[in-house]
């Protein structure tokens, strides 16, 4: 399992603490230091996340092609909603404890 996070983000910190408390082993990756590639974003999006986060992108994205959207998001990890928990066949974006618990119990 992979946790793509920004260590200074309090939501990301809560997610990491939750994983630790539930004994879920996950490799961590700082989204600012090692931004997701366009290929990763496409794959994760197809599995349920991630979504654009900042800079009013949600308003700009409808006028952009899908290729342009993914290319833009891949330029800066801070444009992507986080944390992202990536499993074998899922990607969860943002930390919603009930959603994470349900997915990890499957």
Foldseek 3Di string as FASTA:
>chain_A
DAKEEAVVDVQSVVVVVVCVVVVNDHHYDDCQVPPDALVRQVQQVVQPDDDFDDDPVVVVVVVDDPVVVSNVCRVGSVRIADTWDDDPRHIDGTDDPVVVVVVVVD
